Amino acid sequence: MAVTFKRARSEEQREIRRQVILDTAAAMLDEMPVAEVSLNELSRRVGLAKSNVLRYFESREAVLLELLDAFLASWEAEMTDALAAGIDAKATPEVRARQLAEILSRSLAERKVLCDLFGAQGGVLEHNVSVEVVKRHKRASLARLTTITDLIRRHLPELGDDARLFCLMAMVSAGALSSYVPPPPSVLAAYAEEPALNMLHLDLRDALRSAFTATLVGLLPRA
């Protein structure tokens, strides 16, 4: 159901309208993949002409980049408590690495929209946006990366400077692997008709855990 707006005259009203646009786009991502979120449909649901939506965000991609930062901030806040509760500070580095991989994979698998946004970031979302939007997004991304890197290093200090590399690879892996989940109907039908092919079926959480574990253990210094 579309929202009916009067003309936004104050800065507070404009900020409210911006947030409604973001909230509406977030709701759409719960229903459809990133590729299907269109500016036309977003405008219709918000109850504004497309030209009015573009007064607040210069493109569909600009909306989704801002959502990516918001979702990433929320995930990082959750990770602070989850890692503190789930990692045994007295365990060996490899055990802590495996605990870390388990917690991260479980959390990201539960946040499919965030993974989808990771996957679309370089190939879709960073196109059709101005230099200013890109700089703002990259500044926010760098701040988020610094926060999560510090958090990972807190629980696995043995990684040292490789903690940042792991964080970057984790986000790339989450974006890439999520594109296979869930499989389209034709792929599911092929698995059903030829069970031997089902070994190619990915469970997102299991795939992420395997990828994260291999990367973390591989990055640990050898005695």
C-alpha atoms as a PDB file:
ATOM      1  CA  MET A   1       0.000   0.000   0.000  1.00  0.00           C
ATOM      2  CA  ALA A   2       1.442   3.349  -1.027  1.00  0.00           C
ATOM      3  CA  VAL A   3       2.042   6.108   1.486  1.00  0.00           C
ATOM      4  CA  THR A   4       0.506   9.514   0.742  1.00  0.00           C
ATOM      5  CA  PHE A   5       2.834  12.457   1.382  1.00  0.00           C
ATOM      6  CA  LYS A   6       2.375  16.165   1.502  1.00  0.00           C
ATOM      7  CA  ARG A   7       5.225  18.297   0.266  1.00  0.00           C
ATOM      8  CA  ALA A   8       8.245  18.058   2.560  1.00  0.00           C
ATOM      9  CA  ARG A   9       9.104  21.579   3.687  1.00  0.00           C
ATOM     10  CA  SER A  10      11.409  21.147   6.673  1.00  0.00           C
ATOM     11  CA  GLU A  11      14.657  19.254   7.023  1.00  0.00           C
ATOM     12  CA  GLU A  12      12.949  16.942   9.508  1.00  0.00           C
ATOM     13  CA  GLN A  13      10.197  16.144   7.001  1.00  0.00           C
ATOM     14  CA  ARG A  14      12.757  15.469   4.289  1.00  0.00           C
ATOM     15  CA  GLU A  15      14.673  13.118   6.582  1.00  0.00           C
ATOM     16  CA  ILE A  16      11.454  11.279   7.421  1.00  0.00           C
ATOM     17  CA  ARG A  17      10.774  10.849   3.720  1.00  0.00           C
ATOM     18  CA  ARG A  18      14.305   9.580   3.078  1.00  0.00           C
ATOM     19  CA  GLN A  19      13.847   7.006   5.817  1.00  0.00           C
ATOM     20  CA  VAL A  20      10.508   5.882   4.399  1.00  0.00           C
ATOM     21  CA  ILE A  21      12.204   5.312   1.038  1.00  0.00           C
ATOM     22  CA  LEU A  22      14.936   3.258   2.712  1.00  0.00           C
ATOM     23  CA  ASP A  23      12.460   1.256   4.802  1.00  0.00           C
ATOM     24  CA  THR A  24      10.337   0.539   1.737  1.00  0.00           C
ATOM     25  CA  ALA A  25      13.365  -0.638  -0.244  1.00  0.00           C
ATOM     26  CA  ALA A  26      14.385  -2.865   2.679  1.00  0.00           C
ATOM     27  CA  ALA A  27      10.908  -4.409   2.729  1.00  0.00           C
ATOM     28  CA  MET A  28      11.157  -5.067  -1.009  1.00  0.00           C
ATOM     29  CA  LEU A  29      14.458  -6.898  -0.479  1.00  0.00           C
ATOM     30  CA  ASP A  30      12.626  -9.287   1.849  1.00  0.00           C
ATOM     31  CA  GLU A  31      10.380 -10.186  -1.099  1.00  0.00           C
ATOM     32  CA  MET A  32      12.712 -10.178  -4.090  1.00  0.00           C
ATOM     33  CA  PRO A  33      16.409 -10.281  -5.067  1.00  0.00           C
ATOM     34  CA  VAL A  34      18.412  -7.103  -5.510  1.00  0.00           C
ATOM     35  CA  ALA A  35      18.153  -7.316  -9.314  1.00  0.00           C
ATOM     36  CA  GLU A  36      14.351  -7.072  -9.180  1.00  0.00           C
ATOM     37  CA  VAL A  37      14.154  -3.951  -7.004  1.00  0.00           C
ATOM     38  CA  SER A  38      13.194  -1.254  -9.506  1.00  0.00           C
ATOM     39  CA  LEU A  39      12.900   2.476  -9.059  1.00  0.00           C
ATOM     40  CA  ASN A  40       9.417   2.394 -10.576  1.00  0.00           C
ATOM     41  CA  GLU A  41       8.133  -0.123  -8.042  1.00  0.00           C
ATOM     42  CA  LEU A  42       9.903   1.620  -5.180  1.00  0.00           C
ATOM     43  CA  SER A  43       8.272   4.915  -6.183  1.00  0.00           C
ATOM     44  CA  ARG A  44       4.857   3.284  -6.396  1.00  0.00           C
ATOM     45  CA  ARG A  45       5.132   1.734  -2.952  1.00  0.00           C
ATOM     46  CA  VAL A  46       6.419   4.931  -1.385  1.00  0.00           C
ATOM     47  CA  GLY A  47       3.640   6.952  -3.015  1.00  0.00           C
ATOM     48  CA  LEU A  48       5.892   9.438  -4.801  1.00  0.00           C
ATOM     49  CA  ALA A  49       6.597  10.133  -8.433  1.00  0.00           C
ATOM     50  CA  LYS A  50       9.923   8.692  -9.541  1.00  0.00           C
ATOM     51  CA  SER A  51      11.244  12.213 -10.052  1.00  0.00           C
ATOM     52  CA  ASN A  52      10.466  12.999  -6.408  1.00  0.00           C
ATOM     53  CA  VAL A  53      12.267   9.879  -5.178  1.00  0.00           C
ATOM     54  CA  LEU A  54      15.272  11.041  -7.180  1.00  0.00           C
ATOM     55  CA  ARG A  55      15.312  14.263  -5.151  1.00  0.00           C
ATOM     56  CA  TYR A  56      16.355  12.185  -2.144  1.00  0.00           C
ATOM     57  CA  PHE A  57      18.510   9.503  -3.822  1.00  0.00           C
ATOM     58  CA  GLU A  58      20.122   9.975  -7.199  1.00  0.00           C
ATOM     59  CA  SER A  59      19.402   6.391  -8.311  1.00  0.00           C
ATOM     60  CA  ARG A  60      18.114   2.985  -7.244  1.00  0.00           C
ATOM     61  CA  GLU A  61      21.724   1.970  -6.656  1.00  0.00           C
ATOM     62  CA  ALA A  62      22.272   4.894  -4.273  1.00  0.00           C
ATOM     63  CA  VAL A  63      19.327   3.681  -2.166  1.00  0.00           C
ATOM     64  CA  LEU A  64      20.716   0.148  -2.028  1.00  0.00           C
ATOM     65  CA  LEU A  65      24.236   1.297  -1.159  1.00  0.00           C
ATOM     66  CA  GLU A  66      22.880   3.166   1.831  1.00  0.00           C
ATOM     67  CA  LEU A  67      20.932   0.086   2.887  1.00  0.00           C
ATOM     68  CA  LEU A  68      24.087  -2.013   2.584  1.00  0.00           C
ATOM     69  CA  ASP A  69      25.850   0.244   5.070  1.00  0.00           C
ATOM     70  CA  ALA A  70      22.885   0.145   7.460  1.00  0.00           C
ATOM     71  CA  PHE A  71      22.613  -3.642   7.301  1.00  0.00           C
ATOM     72  CA  LEU A  72      26.363  -4.008   7.759  1.00  0.00           C
ATOM     73  CA  ALA A  73      26.274  -1.788  10.851  1.00  0.00           C
ATOM     74  CA  SER A  74      23.474  -3.896  12.327  1.00  0.00           C
ATOM     75  CA  TRP A  75      25.374  -7.116  11.614  1.00  0.00           C
ATOM     76  CA  GLU A  76      28.553  -5.787  13.229  1.00  0.00           C
ATOM     77  CA  ALA A  77      26.646  -4.852  16.371  1.00  0.00           C
ATOM     78  CA  GLU A  78      25.284  -8.387  16.581  1.00  0.00           C
ATOM     79  CA  MET A  79      28.730  -9.892  16.019  1.00  0.00           C
ATOM     80  CA  THR A  80      30.219  -8.087  19.007  1.00  0.00           C
ATOM     81  CA  ASP A  81      28.031 -10.033  21.441  1.00  0.00           C
ATOM     82  CA  ALA A  82      27.970 -13.284  19.453  1.00  0.00           C
ATOM     83  CA  LEU A  83      31.743 -13.571  19.248  1.00  0.00           C
ATOM     84  CA  ALA A  84      32.208 -12.650  22.900  1.00  0.00           C
ATOM     85  CA  ALA A  85      29.788 -15.407  23.901  1.00  0.00           C
ATOM     86  CA  GLY A  86      30.900 -18.062  21.426  1.00  0.00           C
ATOM     87  CA  ILE A  87      34.695 -17.964  21.384  1.00  0.00           C
ATOM     88  CA  ASP A  88      36.762 -19.547  24.135  1.00  0.00           C
ATOM     89  CA  ALA A  89      39.617 -17.140  24.802  1.00  0.00           C
ATOM     90  CA  LYS A  90      41.675 -19.966  26.345  1.00  0.00           C
ATOM     91  CA  ALA A  91      41.419 -22.280  23.349  1.00  0.00           C
ATOM     92  CA  THR A  92      44.170 -22.827  20.800  1.00  0.00           C
ATOM     93  CA  PRO A  93      44.301 -20.528  17.767  1.00  0.00           C
ATOM     94  CA  GLU A  94      42.915 -23.225  15.446  1.00  0.00           C
ATOM     95  CA  VAL A  95      39.998 -23.966  17.764  1.00  0.00           C
ATOM     96  CA  ARG A  96      39.210 -20.266  18.027  1.00  0.00           C
ATOM     97  CA  ALA A  97      39.445 -19.974  14.243  1.00  0.00           C
ATOM     98  CA  ARG A  98      36.892 -22.745  13.835  1.00  0.00           C
ATOM     99  CA  GLN A  99      34.603 -21.187  16.435  1.00  0.00           C
ATOM    100  CA  LEU A 100      34.874 -17.864  14.633  1.00  0.00           C
ATOM    101  CA  ALA A 101      34.057 -19.472  11.280  1.00  0.00           C
ATOM    102  CA  GLU A 102      31.010 -21.174  12.786  1.00  0.00           C
ATOM    103  CA  ILE A 103      29.611 -17.993  14.300  1.00  0.00           C
ATOM    104  CA  LEU A 104      30.204 -15.852  11.207  1.00  0.00           C
ATOM    105  CA  SER A 105      28.745 -18.419   8.815  1.00  0.00           C
ATOM    106  CA  ARG A 106      25.641 -18.935  10.932  1.00  0.00           C
ATOM    107  CA  SER A 107      25.041 -15.212  11.245  1.00  0.00           C
ATOM    108  CA  LEU A 108      25.549 -14.407   7.560  1.00  0.00           C
ATOM    109  CA  ALA A 109      23.424 -17.337   6.408  1.00  0.00           C
ATOM    110  CA  GLU A 110      20.594 -15.836   8.448  1.00  0.00           C
ATOM    111  CA  ARG A 111      21.127 -12.487   6.693  1.00  0.00           C
ATOM    112  CA  LYS A 112      20.572 -13.460   3.079  1.00  0.00           C
ATOM    113  CA  VAL A 113      19.725  -9.889   2.059  1.00  0.00           C
ATOM    114  CA  LEU A 114      23.072  -8.625   3.346  1.00  0.00           C
ATOM    115  CA  CYS A 115      24.839 -11.386   1.414  1.00  0.00           C
ATOM    116  CA  ASP A 116      22.904 -10.486  -1.741  1.00  0.00           C
ATOM    117  CA  LEU A 117      23.959  -6.847  -1.360  1.00  0.00           C
ATOM    118  CA  PHE A 118      27.586  -7.928  -0.925  1.00  0.00           C
ATOM    119  CA  GLY A 119      27.281  -9.891  -4.149  1.00  0.00           C
ATOM    120  CA  ALA A 120      25.797  -6.973  -6.073  1.00  0.00           C
ATOM    121  CA  GLN A 121      28.124  -4.303  -4.699  1.00  0.00           C
ATOM    122  CA  GLY A 122      30.897  -4.268  -7.275  1.00  0.00           C
ATOM    123  CA  GLY A 123      29.016  -5.365 -10.370  1.00  0.00           C
ATOM    124  CA  VAL A 124      25.741  -3.460  -9.889  1.00  0.00           C
ATOM    125  CA  LEU A 125      25.449  -1.100  -6.936  1.00  0.00           C
ATOM    126  CA  GLU A 126      28.600   0.909  -7.589  1.00  0.00           C
ATOM    127  CA  HIS A 127      27.404   1.702 -11.111  1.00  0.00           C
ATOM    128  CA  ASN A 128      24.960   4.494 -11.974  1.00  0.00           C
ATOM    129  CA  VAL A 129      26.079   6.573  -8.998  1.00  0.00           C
ATOM    130  CA  SER A 130      28.069   9.786  -8.803  1.00  0.00           C
ATOM    131  CA  VAL A 131      31.609  10.171  -7.531  1.00  0.00           C
ATOM    132  CA  GLU A 132      30.257  11.831  -4.379  1.00  0.00           C
ATOM    133  CA  VAL A 133      27.966   8.880  -3.625  1.00  0.00           C
ATOM    134  CA  VAL A 134      30.826   6.455  -4.241  1.00  0.00           C
ATOM    135  CA  LYS A 135      33.149   8.384  -1.920  1.00  0.00           C
ATOM    136  CA  ARG A 136      30.517   8.519   0.810  1.00  0.00           C
ATOM    137  CA  HIS A 137      29.862   4.802   0.438  1.00  0.00           C
ATOM    138  CA  LYS A 138      33.552   3.907   0.413  1.00  0.00           C
ATOM    139  CA  ARG A 139      34.230   5.998   3.522  1.00  0.00           C
ATOM    140  CA  ALA A 140      31.425   4.184   5.327  1.00  0.00           C
ATOM    141  CA  SER A 141      32.670   0.814   4.045  1.00  0.00           C
ATOM    142  CA  LEU A 142      36.187   1.548   5.257  1.00  0.00           C
ATOM    143  CA  ALA A 143      34.882   2.450   8.706  1.00  0.00           C
ATOM    144  CA  ARG A 144      32.828  -0.774   8.837  1.00  0.00           C
ATOM    145  CA  LEU A 145      35.786  -2.821   7.652  1.00  0.00           C
ATOM    146  CA  THR A 146      37.993  -1.305  10.342  1.00  0.00           C
ATOM    147  CA  THR A 147      35.424  -2.121  13.015  1.00  0.00           C
ATOM    148  CA  ILE A 148      34.932  -5.749  12.006  1.00  0.00           C
ATOM    149  CA  THR A 149      38.673  -6.236  11.496  1.00  0.00           C
ATOM    150  CA  ASP A 150      39.376  -4.995  15.013  1.00  0.00           C
ATOM    151  CA  LEU A 151      36.666  -7.295  16.330  1.00  0.00           C
ATOM    152  CA  ILE A 152      38.093 -10.342  14.549  1.00  0.00           C
ATOM    153  CA  ARG A 153      41.618  -9.494  15.696  1.00  0.00           C
ATOM    154  CA  ARG A 154      40.395  -9.187  19.276  1.00  0.00           C
ATOM    155  CA  HIS A 155      39.371 -12.855  19.298  1.00  0.00           C
ATOM    156  CA  LEU A 156      42.074 -14.176  16.983  1.00  0.00           C
ATOM    157  CA  PRO A 157      45.072 -11.838  17.433  1.00  0.00           C
ATOM    158  CA  GLU A 158      47.329 -14.397  15.756  1.00  0.00           C
ATOM    159  CA  LEU A 159      45.958 -13.202  12.400  1.00  0.00           C
ATOM    160  CA  GLY A 160      47.701  -9.849  12.785  1.00  0.00           C
ATOM    161  CA  ASP A 161      47.393  -7.731   9.640  1.00  0.00           C
ATOM    162  CA  ASP A 162      45.775 -10.659   7.796  1.00  0.00           C
ATOM    163  CA  ALA A 163      42.577 -10.017   9.754  1.00  0.00           C
ATOM    164  CA  ARG A 164      41.645  -7.312   7.256  1.00  0.00           C
ATOM    165  CA  LEU A 165      42.286  -9.636   4.322  1.00  0.00           C
ATOM    166  CA  PHE A 166      40.067 -12.253   5.924  1.00  0.00           C
ATOM    167  CA  CYS A 167      37.238  -9.757   6.438  1.00  0.00           C
ATOM    168  CA  LEU A 168      37.381  -8.677   2.799  1.00  0.00           C
ATOM    169  CA  MET A 169      37.427 -12.287   1.601  1.00  0.00           C
ATOM    170  CA  ALA A 170      34.558 -13.189   3.918  1.00  0.00           C
ATOM    171  CA  MET A 171      32.324 -10.498   2.433  1.00  0.00           C
ATOM    172  CA  VAL A 172      33.248 -11.486  -1.117  1.00  0.00           C
ATOM    173  CA  SER A 173      32.610 -15.160  -0.343  1.00  0.00           C
ATOM    174  CA  ALA A 174      29.254 -14.403   1.257  1.00  0.00           C
ATOM    175  CA  GLY A 175      28.173 -12.434  -1.805  1.00  0.00           C
ATOM    176  CA  ALA A 176      29.350 -15.063  -4.274  1.00  0.00           C
ATOM    177  CA  LEU A 177      27.979 -18.119  -2.485  1.00  0.00           C
ATOM    178  CA  SER A 178      24.591 -16.562  -1.729  1.00  0.00           C
ATOM    179  CA  SER A 179      23.906 -16.247  -5.473  1.00  0.00           C
ATOM    180  CA  TYR A 180      23.484 -20.044  -5.613  1.00  0.00           C
ATOM    181  CA  VAL A 181      20.928 -20.161  -2.789  1.00  0.00           C
ATOM    182  CA  PRO A 182      18.138 -21.006  -3.242  1.00  0.00           C
ATOM    183  CA  PRO A 183      18.558 -22.771  -6.591  1.00  0.00           C
ATOM    184  CA  PRO A 184      16.005 -21.916  -9.306  1.00  0.00           C
ATOM    185  CA  PRO A 185      13.165 -24.419  -9.944  1.00  0.00           C
ATOM    186  CA  SER A 186      14.856 -25.893 -13.010  1.00  0.00           C
ATOM    187  CA  VAL A 187      17.982 -26.725 -10.998  1.00  0.00           C
ATOM    188  CA  LEU A 188      15.944 -28.288  -8.190  1.00  0.00           C
ATOM    189  CA  ALA A 189      14.061 -30.347 -10.762  1.00  0.00           C
ATOM    190  CA  ALA A 190      17.358 -31.535 -12.262  1.00  0.00           C
ATOM    191  CA  TYR A 191      18.564 -32.603  -8.813  1.00  0.00           C
ATOM    192  CA  ALA A 192      15.309 -34.483  -8.219  1.00  0.00           C
ATOM    193  CA  GLU A 193      15.486 -36.294 -11.565  1.00  0.00           C
ATOM    194  CA  GLU A 194      19.194 -37.105 -11.300  1.00  0.00           C
ATOM    195  CA  PRO A 195      20.150 -37.468  -7.608  1.00  0.00           C
ATOM    196  CA  ALA A 196      23.863 -37.781  -8.372  1.00  0.00           C
ATOM    197  CA  LEU A 197      23.832 -34.088  -9.313  1.00  0.00           C
ATOM    198  CA  ASN A 198      22.625 -33.148  -5.849  1.00  0.00           C
ATOM    199  CA  MET A 199      26.210 -33.131  -4.594  1.00  0.00           C
ATOM    200  CA  LEU A 200      26.421 -29.713  -6.280  1.00  0.00           C
ATOM    201  CA  HIS A 201      23.591 -28.364  -4.122  1.00  0.00           C
ATOM    202  CA  LEU A 202      24.926 -25.724  -1.710  1.00  0.00           C
ATOM    203  CA  ASP A 203      23.778 -25.071   1.815  1.00  0.00           C
ATOM    204  CA  LEU A 204      24.796 -21.463   2.431  1.00  0.00           C
ATOM    205  CA  ARG A 205      25.766 -21.903   6.058  1.00  0.00           C
ATOM    206  CA  ASP A 206      27.837 -25.033   5.396  1.00  0.00           C
ATOM    207  CA  ALA A 207      29.544 -23.470   2.376  1.00  0.00           C
ATOM    208  CA  LEU A 208      30.408 -20.301   4.287  1.00  0.00           C
ATOM    209  CA  ARG A 209      31.704 -22.253   7.273  1.00  0.00           C
ATOM    210  CA  SER A 210      33.980 -24.325   5.044  1.00  0.00           C
ATOM    211  CA  ALA A 211      35.266 -21.242   3.212  1.00  0.00           C
ATOM    212  CA  PHE A 212      35.834 -19.252   6.402  1.00  0.00           C
ATOM    213  CA  THR A 213      37.511 -22.145   8.213  1.00  0.00           C
ATOM    214  CA  ALA A 214      39.897 -22.841   5.346  1.00  0.00           C
ATOM    215  CA  THR A 215      40.819 -19.169   5.047  1.00  0.00           C
ATOM    216  CA  LEU A 216      41.296 -18.576   8.770  1.00  0.00           C
ATOM    217  CA  VAL A 217      43.312 -21.717   9.423  1.00  0.00           C
ATOM    218  CA  GLY A 218      45.381 -21.027   6.325  1.00  0.00           C
ATOM    219  CA  LEU A 219      46.194 -17.522   7.527  1.00  0.00           C
ATOM    220  CA  LEU A 220      47.312 -18.584  11.000  1.00  0.00           C
ATOM    221  CA  PRO A 221      51.091 -18.444  11.462  1.00  0.00           C
ATOM    222  CA  ARG A 222      52.836 -21.795  11.509  1.00  0.00           C
ATOM    223  CA  ALA A 223      54.945 -22.783  14.488  1.00  0.00           C
END
